[in-house]
Amino acid sequence: MPKAVLYAIIAVLVVGGGIFAYQQYEKKQDTLQIEIGPKGMKVDPPNR
């Protein structure tokens, strides 16, 4: 198998993995966030 084909397959896998990881990251942003600090407690509801 030519090296160019192997590089193309690797590039497709890397890009696909990056897209999947970003989608999972965005899903986790839609969760309830509670922060406790010196000014008290802050609650951010999920963005929908």
PDB file of N, CA and C in Angstrom:
ATOM      1  N   MET A   1       0.847  -1.178   0.000  1.00  0.00           N
ATOM      2  CA  MET A   1       0.000   0.000   0.000  1.00  0.00           C
ATOM      3  C   MET A   1       0.892   1.241   0.000  1.00  0.00           C
ATOM      4  N   PRO A   2       0.605   2.197  -0.860  1.00  0.00           N
ATOM      5  CA  PRO A   2       1.431   3.406  -0.933  1.00  0.00           C
ATOM      6  C   PRO A   2       1.355   4.236   0.351  1.00  0.00           C
ATOM      7  N   LYS A   3       2.436   4.946   0.622  1.00  0.00           N
ATOM      8  CA  LYS A   3       2.487   5.770   1.827  1.00  0.00           C
ATOM      9  C   LYS A   3       1.410   6.851   1.807  1.00  0.00           C
ATOM     10  N   ALA A   4       1.097   7.395   0.649  1.00  0.00           N
ATOM     11  CA  ALA A   4       0.090   8.456   0.564  1.00  0.00           C
ATOM     12  C   ALA A   4      -1.270   7.962   1.035  1.00  0.00           C
ATOM     13  N   VAL A   5      -1.591   6.713   0.721  1.00  0.00           N
ATOM     14  CA  VAL A   5      -2.874   6.149   1.150  1.00  0.00           C
ATOM     15  C   VAL A   5      -2.890   5.994   2.672  1.00  0.00           C
ATOM     16  N   LEU A   6      -1.792   5.526   3.234  1.00  0.00           N
ATOM     17  CA  LEU A   6      -1.715   5.387   4.691  1.00  0.00           C
ATOM     18  C   LEU A   6      -1.828   6.741   5.384  1.00  0.00           C
ATOM     19  N   TYR A   7      -1.160   7.751   4.851  1.00  0.00           N
ATOM     20  CA  TYR A   7      -1.249   9.086   5.427  1.00  0.00           C
ATOM     21  C   TYR A   7      -2.678   9.625   5.324  1.00  0.00           C
ATOM     22  N   ALA A   8      -3.346   9.361   4.229  1.00  0.00           N
ATOM     23  CA  ALA A   8      -4.724   9.819   4.063  1.00  0.00           C
ATOM     24  C   ALA A   8      -5.643   9.141   5.081  1.00  0.00           C
ATOM     25  N   ILE A   9      -5.467   7.849   5.299  1.00  0.00           N
ATOM     26  CA  ILE A   9      -6.288   7.124   6.277  1.00  0.00           C
ATOM     27  C   ILE A   9      -6.044   7.670   7.679  1.00  0.00           C
ATOM     28  N   ILE A  10      -4.790   7.914   8.016  1.00  0.00           N
ATOM     29  CA  ILE A  10      -4.463   8.465   9.335  1.00  0.00           C
ATOM     30  C   ILE A  10      -5.079   9.855   9.498  1.00  0.00           C
ATOM     31  N   ALA A  11      -5.007  10.679   8.460  1.00  0.00           N
ATOM     32  CA  ALA A  11      -5.575  12.030   8.528  1.00  0.00           C
ATOM     33  C   ALA A  11      -7.088  11.974   8.745  1.00  0.00           C
ATOM     34  N   VAL A  12      -7.767  11.072   8.049  1.00  0.00           N
ATOM     35  CA  VAL A  12      -9.215  10.938   8.207  1.00  0.00           C
ATOM     36  C   VAL A  12      -9.555  10.507   9.633  1.00  0.00           C
ATOM     37  N   LEU A  13      -8.793   9.568  10.183  1.00  0.00           N
ATOM     38  CA  LEU A  13      -9.052   9.117  11.550  1.00  0.00           C
ATOM     39  C   LEU A  13      -8.806  10.230  12.570  1.00  0.00           C
ATOM     40  N   VAL A  14      -7.750  11.000  12.380  1.00  0.00           N
ATOM     41  CA  VAL A  14      -7.443  12.088  13.305  1.00  0.00           C
ATOM     42  C   VAL A  14      -8.529  13.164  13.249  1.00  0.00           C
ATOM     43  N   VAL A  15      -8.937  13.551  12.059  1.00  0.00           N
ATOM     44  CA  VAL A  15      -9.972  14.577  11.923  1.00  0.00           C
ATOM     45  C   VAL A  15     -11.296  14.069  12.487  1.00  0.00           C
ATOM     46  N   GLY A  16     -11.649  12.831  12.172  1.00  0.00           N
ATOM     47  CA  GLY A  16     -12.887  12.253  12.705  1.00  0.00           C
ATOM     48  C   GLY A  16     -12.860  12.175  14.222  1.00  0.00           C
ATOM     49  N   GLY A  17     -11.741  11.784  14.793  1.00  0.00           N
ATOM     50  CA  GLY A  17     -11.614  11.736  16.248  1.00  0.00           C
ATOM     51  C   GLY A  17     -11.715  13.112  16.874  1.00  0.00           C
ATOM     52  N   GLY A  18     -11.140  14.097  16.228  1.00  0.00           N
ATOM     53  CA  GLY A  18     -11.224  15.468  16.731  1.00  0.00           C
ATOM     54  C   GLY A  18     -12.648  15.994  16.718  1.00  0.00           C
ATOM     55  N   ILE A  19     -13.373  15.710  15.652  1.00  0.00           N
ATOM     56  CA  ILE A  19     -14.774  16.143  15.563  1.00  0.00           C
ATOM     57  C   ILE A  19     -15.603  15.455  16.648  1.00  0.00           C
ATOM     58  N   PHE A  20     -15.405  14.156  16.830  1.00  0.00           N
ATOM     59  CA  PHE A  20     -16.134  13.417  17.860  1.00  0.00           C
ATOM     60  C   PHE A  20     -15.829  13.970  19.251  1.00  0.00           C
ATOM     61  N   ALA A  21     -14.562  14.235  19.530  1.00  0.00           N
ATOM     62  CA  ALA A  21     -14.168  14.754  20.839  1.00  0.00           C
ATOM     63  C   ALA A  21     -14.780  16.131  21.082  1.00  0.00           C
ATOM     64  N   TYR A  22     -14.817  16.969  20.058  1.00  0.00           N
ATOM     65  CA  TYR A  22     -15.399  18.304  20.210  1.00  0.00           C
ATOM     66  C   TYR A  22     -16.897  18.223  20.479  1.00  0.00           C
ATOM     67  N   GLN A  23     -17.588  17.310  19.800  1.00  0.00           N
ATOM     68  CA  GLN A  23     -19.023  17.135  20.039  1.00  0.00           C
ATOM     69  C   GLN A  23     -19.280  16.679  21.468  1.00  0.00           C
ATOM     70  N   GLN A  24     -18.462  15.784  21.988  1.00  0.00           N
ATOM     71  CA  GLN A  24     -18.618  15.337  23.368  1.00  0.00           C
ATOM     72  C   GLN A  24     -18.341  16.482  24.344  1.00  0.00           C
ATOM     73  N   TYR A  25     -17.367  17.313  24.018  1.00  0.00           N
ATOM     74  CA  TYR A  25     -17.053  18.469  24.855  1.00  0.00           C
ATOM     75  C   TYR A  25     -18.236  19.437  24.896  1.00  0.00           C
ATOM     76  N   GLU A  26     -18.853  19.686  23.744  1.00  0.00           N
ATOM     77  CA  GLU A  26     -19.991  20.589  23.682  1.00  0.00           C
ATOM     78  C   GLU A  26     -21.176  20.035  24.470  1.00  0.00           C
ATOM     79  N   LYS A  27     -21.400  18.734  24.443  1.00  0.00           N
ATOM     80  CA  LYS A  27     -22.490  18.137  25.213  1.00  0.00           C
ATOM     81  C   LYS A  27     -22.290  18.383  26.699  1.00  0.00           C
ATOM     82  N   LYS A  28     -21.057  18.293  27.167  1.00  0.00           N
ATOM     83  CA  LYS A  28     -20.789  18.468  28.585  1.00  0.00           C
ATOM     84  C   LYS A  28     -20.956  19.922  29.007  1.00  0.00           C
ATOM     85  N   GLN A  29     -20.943  20.855  28.072  1.00  0.00           N
ATOM     86  CA  GLN A  29     -21.164  22.258  28.407  1.00  0.00           C
ATOM     87  C   GLN A  29     -22.620  22.516  28.778  1.00  0.00           C
ATOM     88  N   ASP A  30     -23.535  21.625  28.414  1.00  0.00           N
ATOM     89  CA  ASP A  30     -24.958  21.793  28.701  1.00  0.00           C
ATOM     90  C   ASP A  30     -25.347  21.184  30.037  1.00  0.00           C
ATOM     91  N   THR A  31     -24.461  21.194  30.998  1.00  0.00           N
ATOM     92  CA  THR A  31     -24.768  20.640  32.309  1.00  0.00           C
ATOM     93  C   THR A  31     -24.843  21.770  33.323  1.00  0.00           C
ATOM     94  N   LEU A  32     -25.478  21.491  34.427  1.00  0.00           N
ATOM     95  CA  LEU A  32     -25.595  22.459  35.502  1.00  0.00           C
ATOM     96  C   LEU A  32     -24.222  22.699  36.117  1.00  0.00           C
ATOM     97  N   GLN A  33     -23.857  23.978  36.243  1.00  0.00           N
ATOM     98  CA  GLN A  33     -22.562  24.313  36.825  1.00  0.00           C
ATOM     99  C   GLN A  33     -22.787  25.074  38.131  1.00  0.00           C
ATOM    100  N   ILE A  34     -22.179  24.613  39.190  1.00  0.00           N
ATOM    101  CA  ILE A  34     -22.269  25.264  40.491  1.00  0.00           C
ATOM    102  C   ILE A  34     -20.861  25.644  40.916  1.00  0.00           C
ATOM    103  N   GLU A  35     -20.661  26.933  41.195  1.00  0.00           N
ATOM    104  CA  GLU A  35     -19.361  27.423  41.625  1.00  0.00           C
ATOM    105  C   GLU A  35     -19.498  28.040  43.006  1.00  0.00           C
ATOM    106  N   ILE A  36     -18.608  27.664  43.906  1.00  0.00           N
ATOM    107  CA  ILE A  36     -18.605  28.223  45.253  1.00  0.00           C
ATOM    108  C   ILE A  36     -17.302  28.976  45.437  1.00  0.00           C
ATOM    109  N   GLY A  37     -17.416  30.242  45.763  1.00  0.00           N
ATOM    110  CA  GLY A  37     -16.230  31.070  45.923  1.00  0.00           C
ATOM    111  C   GLY A  37     -16.401  32.064  47.051  1.00  0.00           C
ATOM    112  N   PRO A  38     -15.485  33.019  47.157  1.00  0.00           N
ATOM    113  CA  PRO A  38     -15.534  33.990  48.257  1.00  0.00           C
ATOM    114  C   PRO A  38     -16.767  34.894  48.211  1.00  0.00           C
ATOM    115  N   LYS A  39     -17.371  35.052  47.045  1.00  0.00           N
ATOM    116  CA  LYS A  39     -18.560  35.907  46.918  1.00  0.00           C
ATOM    117  C   LYS A  39     -19.853  35.117  47.085  1.00  0.00           C
ATOM    118  N   GLY A  40     -19.762  33.855  47.430  1.00  0.00           N
ATOM    119  CA  GLY A  40     -20.957  33.043  47.621  1.00  0.00           C
ATOM    120  C   GLY A  40     -21.048  31.949  46.576  1.00  0.00           C
ATOM    121  N   MET A  41     -22.283  31.509  46.332  1.00  0.00           N
ATOM    122  CA  MET A  41     -22.507  30.408  45.399  1.00  0.00           C
ATOM    123  C   MET A  41     -23.140  30.940  44.124  1.00  0.00           C
ATOM    124  N   LYS A  42     -22.671  30.441  42.974  1.00  0.00           N
ATOM    125  CA  LYS A  42     -23.202  30.842  41.675  1.00  0.00           C
ATOM    126  C   LYS A  42     -23.673  29.579  40.964  1.00  0.00           C
ATOM    127  N   VAL A  43     -24.920  29.605  40.475  1.00  0.00           N
ATOM    128  CA  VAL A  43     -25.479  28.452  39.777  1.00  0.00           C
ATOM    129  C   VAL A  43     -25.796  28.877  38.346  1.00  0.00           C
ATOM    130  N   ASP A  44     -25.204  28.172  37.366  1.00  0.00           N
ATOM    131  CA  ASP A  44     -25.472  28.421  35.959  1.00  0.00           C
ATOM    132  C   ASP A  44     -26.293  27.269  35.424  1.00  0.00           C
ATOM    133  N   PRO A  45     -27.561  27.520  35.050  1.00  0.00           N
ATOM    134  CA  PRO A  45     -28.366  26.429  34.478  1.00  0.00           C
ATOM    135  C   PRO A  45     -27.870  26.073  33.085  1.00  0.00           C
ATOM    136  N   PRO A  46     -28.226  24.907  32.602  1.00  0.00           N
ATOM    137  CA  PRO A  46     -27.798  24.501  31.253  1.00  0.00           C
ATOM    138  C   PRO A  46     -28.344  25.459  30.201  1.00  0.00           C
ATOM    139  N   ASN A  47     -27.561  25.713  29.175  1.00  0.00           N
ATOM    140  CA  ASN A  47     -28.000  26.553  28.049  1.00  0.00           C
ATOM    141  C   ASN A  47     -28.761  25.706  27.056  1.00  0.00           C
ATOM    142  N   ARG A  48     -29.962  26.052  26.803  1.00  0.00           N
ATOM    143  CA  ARG A  48     -30.774  25.301  25.827  1.00  0.00           C
ATOM    144  C   ARG A  48     -31.456  26.229  24.890  1.00  0.00           C
TER     145      ARG A  48
END
